Amino acid sequence: MSDSQNSGQIPQQGQTIIVNQQQPPKSNGVGTAGFVLALITVFICWIPFLSWILWILGLVLSFVGVFKQPNGLAIAGLVISLIWLILFISVGGLFLAAIGLS
């Protein structure tokens, strides 16, 4: 009689319950946007004003994205933007030296 009563029950002894809750992957949208804008600037550098605007936006967004996690793409965008800043200053200096203003 006890066997018929226990046949529908789940044994409580020796059970292990494993709960696997996956965390959603973290993303840094601001840093990613800064990286993409900095990368686009590399390819459209021959369009003066549009590339400057996108470069400044990429620089600002990458700088803001560095302070959020994960910040890998934000750092990459910041590095690309700072390299372009050095190139802009160098080319501007060469241009001014060529026309004799410096």
C-alpha atoms as a PDB file:
ATOM      1  CA  MET A   1       0.000   0.000   0.000  1.00  0.00           C
ATOM      2  CA  SER A   2       2.816   2.360   0.687  1.00  0.00           C
ATOM      3  CA  ASP A   3       4.263   1.574  -2.756  1.00  0.00           C
ATOM      4  CA  SER A   4       1.093   2.747  -4.495  1.00  0.00           C
ATOM      5  CA  GLN A   5       1.064   5.983  -2.517  1.00  0.00           C
ATOM      6  CA  ASN A   6       4.721   6.795  -3.254  1.00  0.00           C
ATOM      7  CA  SER A   7       4.610   5.816  -6.931  1.00  0.00           C
ATOM      8  CA  GLY A   8       3.313   9.243  -8.056  1.00  0.00           C
ATOM      9  CA  GLN A   9       5.723  11.232  -5.920  1.00  0.00           C
ATOM     10  CA  ILE A  10       9.168  12.429  -6.933  1.00  0.00           C
ATOM     11  CA  PRO A  11      11.880  11.271  -4.549  1.00  0.00           C
ATOM     12  CA  GLN A  12      13.292  14.198  -2.587  1.00  0.00           C
ATOM     13  CA  GLN A  13      16.555  12.667  -1.553  1.00  0.00           C
ATOM     14  CA  GLY A  14      19.578  13.046  -3.860  1.00  0.00           C
ATOM     15  CA  GLN A  15      18.078  15.580  -6.244  1.00  0.00           C
ATOM     16  CA  THR A  16      20.196  18.374  -7.624  1.00  0.00           C
ATOM     17  CA  ILE A  17      18.584  21.302  -9.354  1.00  0.00           C
ATOM     18  CA  ILE A  18      20.834  23.353 -11.594  1.00  0.00           C
ATOM     19  CA  VAL A  19      19.510  26.696 -12.743  1.00  0.00           C
ATOM     20  CA  ASN A  20      21.407  28.149 -15.674  1.00  0.00           C
ATOM     21  CA  GLN A  21      20.502  31.790 -16.058  1.00  0.00           C
ATOM     22  CA  GLN A  22      22.430  33.394 -18.845  1.00  0.00           C
ATOM     23  CA  GLN A  23      23.143  37.085 -18.576  1.00  0.00           C
ATOM     24  CA  PRO A  24      22.382  39.087 -21.694  1.00  0.00           C
ATOM     25  CA  PRO A  25      25.605  40.149 -23.400  1.00  0.00           C
ATOM     26  CA  LYS A  26      26.666  43.655 -22.501  1.00  0.00           C
ATOM     27  CA  SER A  27      27.084  46.129 -25.314  1.00  0.00           C
ATOM     28  CA  ASN A  28      28.361  49.653 -25.601  1.00  0.00           C
ATOM     29  CA  GLY A  29      26.269  51.332 -28.273  1.00  0.00           C
ATOM     30  CA  VAL A  30      27.931  54.716 -27.874  1.00  0.00           C
ATOM     31  CA  GLY A  31      31.420  53.258 -28.230  1.00  0.00           C
ATOM     32  CA  THR A  32      30.391  51.157 -31.210  1.00  0.00           C
ATOM     33  CA  ALA A  33      28.854  54.206 -32.902  1.00  0.00           C
ATOM     34  CA  GLY A  34      32.048  56.178 -32.292  1.00  0.00           C
ATOM     35  CA  PHE A  35      34.144  53.387 -33.794  1.00  0.00           C
ATOM     36  CA  VAL A  36      31.910  53.121 -36.857  1.00  0.00           C
ATOM     37  CA  LEU A  37      31.990  56.890 -37.434  1.00  0.00           C
ATOM     38  CA  ALA A  38      35.776  56.972 -37.051  1.00  0.00           C
ATOM     39  CA  LEU A  39      36.086  54.112 -39.527  1.00  0.00           C
ATOM     40  CA  ILE A  40      33.744  55.781 -42.018  1.00  0.00           C
ATOM     41  CA  THR A  41      35.883  58.912 -41.757  1.00  0.00           C
ATOM     42  CA  VAL A  42      38.886  56.907 -42.950  1.00  0.00           C
ATOM     43  CA  PHE A  43      37.057  55.950 -46.137  1.00  0.00           C
ATOM     44  CA  ILE A  44      35.494  59.335 -46.916  1.00  0.00           C
ATOM     45  CA  CYS A  45      38.420  61.550 -45.947  1.00  0.00           C
ATOM     46  CA  TRP A  46      38.399  63.136 -49.407  1.00  0.00           C
ATOM     47  CA  ILE A  47      35.065  64.880 -48.677  1.00  0.00           C
ATOM     48  CA  PRO A  48      36.218  67.838 -46.534  1.00  0.00           C
ATOM     49  CA  PHE A  49      33.302  69.053 -44.428  1.00  0.00           C
ATOM     50  CA  LEU A  50      31.391  65.772 -44.156  1.00  0.00           C
ATOM     51  CA  SER A  51      34.466  63.888 -43.001  1.00  0.00           C
ATOM     52  CA  TRP A  52      35.274  66.590 -40.441  1.00  0.00           C
ATOM     53  CA  ILE A  53      31.768  66.449 -38.970  1.00  0.00           C
ATOM     54  CA  LEU A  54      31.796  62.653 -38.820  1.00  0.00           C
ATOM     55  CA  TRP A  55      35.318  62.718 -37.360  1.00  0.00           C
ATOM     56  CA  ILE A  56      34.274  65.066 -34.538  1.00  0.00           C
ATOM     57  CA  LEU A  57      31.178  62.964 -33.822  1.00  0.00           C
ATOM     58  CA  GLY A  58      33.276  59.783 -33.816  1.00  0.00           C
ATOM     59  CA  LEU A  59      35.814  61.372 -31.483  1.00  0.00           C
ATOM     60  CA  VAL A  60      33.169  62.545 -29.013  1.00  0.00           C
ATOM     61  CA  LEU A  61      31.171  59.294 -29.048  1.00  0.00           C
ATOM     62  CA  SER A  62      34.316  57.197 -28.672  1.00  0.00           C
ATOM     63  CA  PHE A  63      35.462  59.346 -25.763  1.00  0.00           C
ATOM     64  CA  VAL A  64      32.092  58.924 -24.022  1.00  0.00           C
ATOM     65  CA  GLY A  65      32.087  55.182 -24.780  1.00  0.00           C
ATOM     66  CA  VAL A  66      35.473  54.662 -23.119  1.00  0.00           C
ATOM     67  CA  PHE A  67      33.832  55.168 -19.730  1.00  0.00           C
ATOM     68  CA  LYS A  68      31.250  52.403 -20.310  1.00  0.00           C
ATOM     69  CA  GLN A  69      31.815  48.641 -20.327  1.00  0.00           C
ATOM     70  CA  PRO A  70      32.853  46.914 -22.599  1.00  0.00           C
ATOM     71  CA  ASN A  71      35.061  49.621 -24.004  1.00  0.00           C
ATOM     72  CA  GLY A  72      37.175  47.837 -26.649  1.00  0.00           C
ATOM     73  CA  LEU A  73      35.536  49.362 -29.722  1.00  0.00           C
ATOM     74  CA  ALA A  74      35.394  52.759 -28.024  1.00  0.00           C
ATOM     75  CA  ILE A  75      39.149  52.691 -27.457  1.00  0.00           C
ATOM     76  CA  ALA A  76      39.711  51.639 -31.071  1.00  0.00           C
ATOM     77  CA  GLY A  77      37.494  54.489 -32.299  1.00  0.00           C
ATOM     78  CA  LEU A  78      39.315  56.954 -30.055  1.00  0.00           C
ATOM     79  CA  VAL A  79      42.707  55.817 -31.367  1.00  0.00           C
ATOM     80  CA  ILE A  80      41.556  56.115 -34.990  1.00  0.00           C
ATOM     81  CA  SER A  81      40.129  59.581 -34.306  1.00  0.00           C
ATOM     82  CA  LEU A  82      43.308  60.765 -32.579  1.00  0.00           C
ATOM     83  CA  ILE A  83      45.447  59.481 -35.460  1.00  0.00           C
ATOM     84  CA  TRP A  84      43.276  61.519 -37.818  1.00  0.00           C
ATOM     85  CA  LEU A  85      43.713  64.551 -35.561  1.00  0.00           C
ATOM     86  CA  ILE A  86      47.490  64.223 -35.847  1.00  0.00           C
ATOM     87  CA  LEU A  87      47.186  63.870 -39.639  1.00  0.00           C
ATOM     88  CA  PHE A  88      44.878  66.918 -39.883  1.00  0.00           C
ATOM     89  CA  ILE A  89      47.310  69.047 -37.887  1.00  0.00           C
ATOM     90  CA  SER A  90      50.299  67.798 -39.908  1.00  0.00           C
ATOM     91  CA  VAL A  91      48.653  68.396 -43.276  1.00  0.00           C
ATOM     92  CA  GLY A  92      47.416  71.806 -42.138  1.00  0.00           C
ATOM     93  CA  GLY A  93      50.914  72.737 -40.996  1.00  0.00           C
ATOM     94  CA  LEU A  94      52.404  71.569 -44.276  1.00  0.00           C
ATOM     95  CA  PHE A  95      49.799  73.530 -46.207  1.00  0.00           C
ATOM     96  CA  LEU A  96      50.502  76.699 -44.228  1.00  0.00           C
ATOM     97  CA  ALA A  97      54.243  76.220 -44.673  1.00  0.00           C
ATOM     98  CA  ALA A  98      53.772  75.718 -48.418  1.00  0.00           C
ATOM     99  CA  ILE A  99      51.891  78.956 -48.867  1.00  0.00           C
ATOM    100  CA  GLY A 100      54.310  80.802 -46.594  1.00  0.00           C
ATOM    101  CA  LEU A 101      52.038  81.741 -43.670  1.00  0.00           C
ATOM    102  CA  SER A 102      54.058  80.183 -40.902  1.00  0.00           C
END
